[in-house]
Amino acid sequence: MAMICALTVRKLKPGTFDQFREAFTEQFGGTPPEGFGRFNMVRNSEDPDEVITFGFFDGSVEQLREVAAKEGYQDQLERIAPFVESVGADGLYEVVEERNA
């Protein structure tokens, strides 16, 4: 079974991180969607308006898209849109190597 990393780099409108974070995580209820073993949101320490979100999904790209549709991904994008200035890298990436300590 494949593992997919869903990753997006966003530049937020200045001073909107808290609103963005709340809107982004609202639907999760504190836990990542079905199939995601891990989710992270990180902020650039030099530029707090740059935020990267990524999560690791156990399954295929097609399965991830099915879960995203079921979980309301499009609604999430609409909720966070007012806080996003621009989007950089945004894609589904196959994990080809993983190393842990």
C-alpha atoms as a PDB file:
ATOM      1  CA  MET A   1       0.000   0.000   0.000  1.00  0.00           C
ATOM      2  CA  ALA A   2       1.265   3.459  -0.864  1.00  0.00           C
ATOM      3  CA  MET A   3       1.651   6.383   1.464  1.00  0.00           C
ATOM      4  CA  ILE A   4       0.762   9.817   0.140  1.00  0.00           C
ATOM      5  CA  CYS A   5       1.856  13.152   1.570  1.00  0.00           C
ATOM      6  CA  ALA A   6      -0.637  15.959   0.966  1.00  0.00           C
ATOM      7  CA  LEU A   7       1.340  19.202   1.203  1.00  0.00           C
ATOM      8  CA  THR A   8       0.484  22.866   0.698  1.00  0.00           C
ATOM      9  CA  VAL A   9       2.565  26.000   1.231  1.00  0.00           C
ATOM     10  CA  ARG A  10       0.523  29.136   1.838  1.00  0.00           C
ATOM     11  CA  LYS A  11       1.362  32.785   2.344  1.00  0.00           C
ATOM     12  CA  LEU A  12      -1.280  34.226   4.662  1.00  0.00           C
ATOM     13  CA  LYS A  13      -2.548  37.767   4.774  1.00  0.00           C
ATOM     14  CA  PRO A  14      -0.613  39.551   7.549  1.00  0.00           C
ATOM     15  CA  GLY A  15      -1.885  38.859  11.056  1.00  0.00           C
ATOM     16  CA  THR A  16      -4.480  36.217  10.105  1.00  0.00           C
ATOM     17  CA  PHE A  17      -2.750  33.055  11.339  1.00  0.00           C
ATOM     18  CA  ASP A  18      -5.097  32.433  14.282  1.00  0.00           C
ATOM     19  CA  GLN A  19      -8.199  32.799  12.100  1.00  0.00           C
ATOM     20  CA  PHE A  20      -6.631  30.617   9.391  1.00  0.00           C
ATOM     21  CA  ARG A  21      -5.728  27.904  11.901  1.00  0.00           C
ATOM     22  CA  GLU A  22      -9.203  27.863  13.404  1.00  0.00           C
ATOM     23  CA  ALA A  23     -10.883  27.732   9.970  1.00  0.00           C
ATOM     24  CA  PHE A  24      -8.491  25.045   8.737  1.00  0.00           C
ATOM     25  CA  THR A  25      -8.907  22.683  11.692  1.00  0.00           C
ATOM     26  CA  GLU A  26     -12.603  23.373  12.378  1.00  0.00           C
ATOM     27  CA  GLN A  27     -13.891  20.227  10.677  1.00  0.00           C
ATOM     28  CA  PHE A  28     -11.349  17.855  12.245  1.00  0.00           C
ATOM     29  CA  GLY A  29     -12.644  18.064  15.796  1.00  0.00           C
ATOM     30  CA  GLY A  30      -9.050  17.692  16.993  1.00  0.00           C
ATOM     31  CA  THR A  31      -8.218  14.600  14.934  1.00  0.00           C
ATOM     32  CA  PRO A  32      -7.024  14.204  11.329  1.00  0.00           C
ATOM     33  CA  PRO A  33      -9.498  12.843   8.745  1.00  0.00           C
ATOM     34  CA  GLU A  34      -9.930   9.106   8.160  1.00  0.00           C
ATOM     35  CA  GLY A  35      -6.823   7.477   6.683  1.00  0.00           C
ATOM     36  CA  PHE A  36      -4.391  10.158   7.827  1.00  0.00           C
ATOM     37  CA  GLY A  37      -1.827   8.767  10.224  1.00  0.00           C
ATOM     38  CA  ARG A  38      -0.321  12.163  10.881  1.00  0.00           C
ATOM     39  CA  PHE A  39      -1.026  15.844  10.199  1.00  0.00           C
ATOM     40  CA  ASN A  40       1.259  18.837  10.750  1.00  0.00           C
ATOM     41  CA  MET A  41       0.935  22.599  10.424  1.00  0.00           C
ATOM     42  CA  VAL A  42       4.223  24.499  10.581  1.00  0.00           C
ATOM     43  CA  ARG A  43       5.054  28.214  10.449  1.00  0.00           C
ATOM     44  CA  ASN A  44       8.186  29.794   9.066  1.00  0.00           C
ATOM     45  CA  SER A  45      10.174  31.145  12.033  1.00  0.00           C
ATOM     46  CA  GLU A  46      11.440  34.046   9.878  1.00  0.00           C
ATOM     47  CA  ASP A  47       8.049  34.797   8.284  1.00  0.00           C
ATOM     48  CA  PRO A  48       5.080  33.808  10.497  1.00  0.00           C
ATOM     49  CA  ASP A  49       2.672  34.437   7.612  1.00  0.00           C
ATOM     50  CA  GLU A  50       4.126  31.486   5.678  1.00  0.00           C
ATOM     51  CA  VAL A  51       2.398  28.266   6.737  1.00  0.00           C
ATOM     52  CA  ILE A  52       2.919  24.733   5.480  1.00  0.00           C
ATOM     53  CA  THR A  53       0.335  22.031   6.069  1.00  0.00           C
ATOM     54  CA  PHE A  54       1.021  18.390   5.388  1.00  0.00           C
ATOM     55  CA  GLY A  55      -0.385  15.042   6.293  1.00  0.00           C
ATOM     56  CA  PHE A  56       0.435  11.420   5.577  1.00  0.00           C
ATOM     57  CA  PHE A  57      -2.312   9.245   4.127  1.00  0.00           C
ATOM     58  CA  ASP A  58      -2.187   5.451   4.047  1.00  0.00           C
ATOM     59  CA  GLY A  59      -3.601   4.573   0.641  1.00  0.00           C
ATOM     60  CA  SER A  60      -3.720   5.638  -2.979  1.00  0.00           C
ATOM     61  CA  VAL A  61      -4.224   9.099  -4.453  1.00  0.00           C
ATOM     62  CA  GLU A  62      -7.705   8.018  -5.546  1.00  0.00           C
ATOM     63  CA  GLN A  63      -8.595   6.906  -2.007  1.00  0.00           C
ATOM     64  CA  LEU A  64      -7.285  10.181  -0.586  1.00  0.00           C
ATOM     65  CA  ARG A  65      -9.434  12.154  -3.049  1.00  0.00           C
ATOM     66  CA  GLU A  66     -12.501  10.110  -2.018  1.00  0.00           C
ATOM     67  CA  VAL A  67     -11.847  10.824   1.669  1.00  0.00           C
ATOM     68  CA  ALA A  68     -11.230  14.523   0.929  1.00  0.00           C
ATOM     69  CA  ALA A  69     -14.564  14.795  -0.897  1.00  0.00           C
ATOM     70  CA  LYS A  70     -16.367  12.987   1.932  1.00  0.00           C
ATOM     71  CA  GLU A  71     -14.699  15.115   4.626  1.00  0.00           C
ATOM     72  CA  GLY A  72     -15.571  18.433   2.932  1.00  0.00           C
ATOM     73  CA  TYR A  73     -12.172  19.518   1.631  1.00  0.00           C
ATOM     74  CA  GLN A  74     -13.792  21.989  -0.776  1.00  0.00           C
ATOM     75  CA  ASP A  75     -15.679  23.586   2.131  1.00  0.00           C
ATOM     76  CA  GLN A  76     -12.414  23.855   4.052  1.00  0.00           C
ATOM     77  CA  LEU A  77     -10.774  25.676   1.129  1.00  0.00           C
ATOM     78  CA  GLU A  78     -13.670  28.134   1.062  1.00  0.00           C
ATOM     79  CA  ARG A  79     -13.382  28.746   4.838  1.00  0.00           C
ATOM     80  CA  ILE A  80      -9.657  29.506   4.700  1.00  0.00           C
ATOM     81  CA  ALA A  81      -9.717  31.541   1.448  1.00  0.00           C
ATOM     82  CA  PRO A  82     -10.248  34.926   3.165  1.00  0.00           C
ATOM     83  CA  PHE A  83      -6.948  34.475   5.041  1.00  0.00           C
ATOM     84  CA  VAL A  84      -4.760  33.224   2.160  1.00  0.00           C
ATOM     85  CA  GLU A  85      -2.733  35.675   0.108  1.00  0.00           C
ATOM     86  CA  SER A  86      -1.117  33.078  -2.181  1.00  0.00           C
ATOM     87  CA  VAL A  87      -0.419  29.363  -2.573  1.00  0.00           C
ATOM     88  CA  GLY A  88       2.978  27.901  -3.452  1.00  0.00           C
ATOM     89  CA  ALA A  89       3.621  24.174  -3.668  1.00  0.00           C
ATOM     90  CA  ASP A  90       0.336  22.286  -3.498  1.00  0.00           C
ATOM     91  CA  GLY A  91       0.118  18.613  -4.322  1.00  0.00           C
ATOM     92  CA  LEU A  92      -0.102  14.962  -3.460  1.00  0.00           C
ATOM     93  CA  TYR A  93       3.320  13.364  -3.189  1.00  0.00           C
ATOM     94  CA  GLU A  94       4.124   9.665  -3.025  1.00  0.00           C
ATOM     95  CA  VAL A  95       6.402   8.821  -0.105  1.00  0.00           C
ATOM     96  CA  VAL A  96       9.306   6.961  -1.695  1.00  0.00           C
ATOM     97  CA  GLU A  97      11.549   6.753   1.345  1.00  0.00           C
ATOM     98  CA  GLU A  98      10.997   7.121   5.065  1.00  0.00           C
ATOM     99  CA  ARG A  99      13.549   7.049   7.868  1.00  0.00           C
ATOM    100  CA  ASN A 100      12.951   7.213  11.584  1.00  0.00           C
ATOM    101  CA  ALA A 101      15.367   7.451  14.460  1.00  0.00           C
END
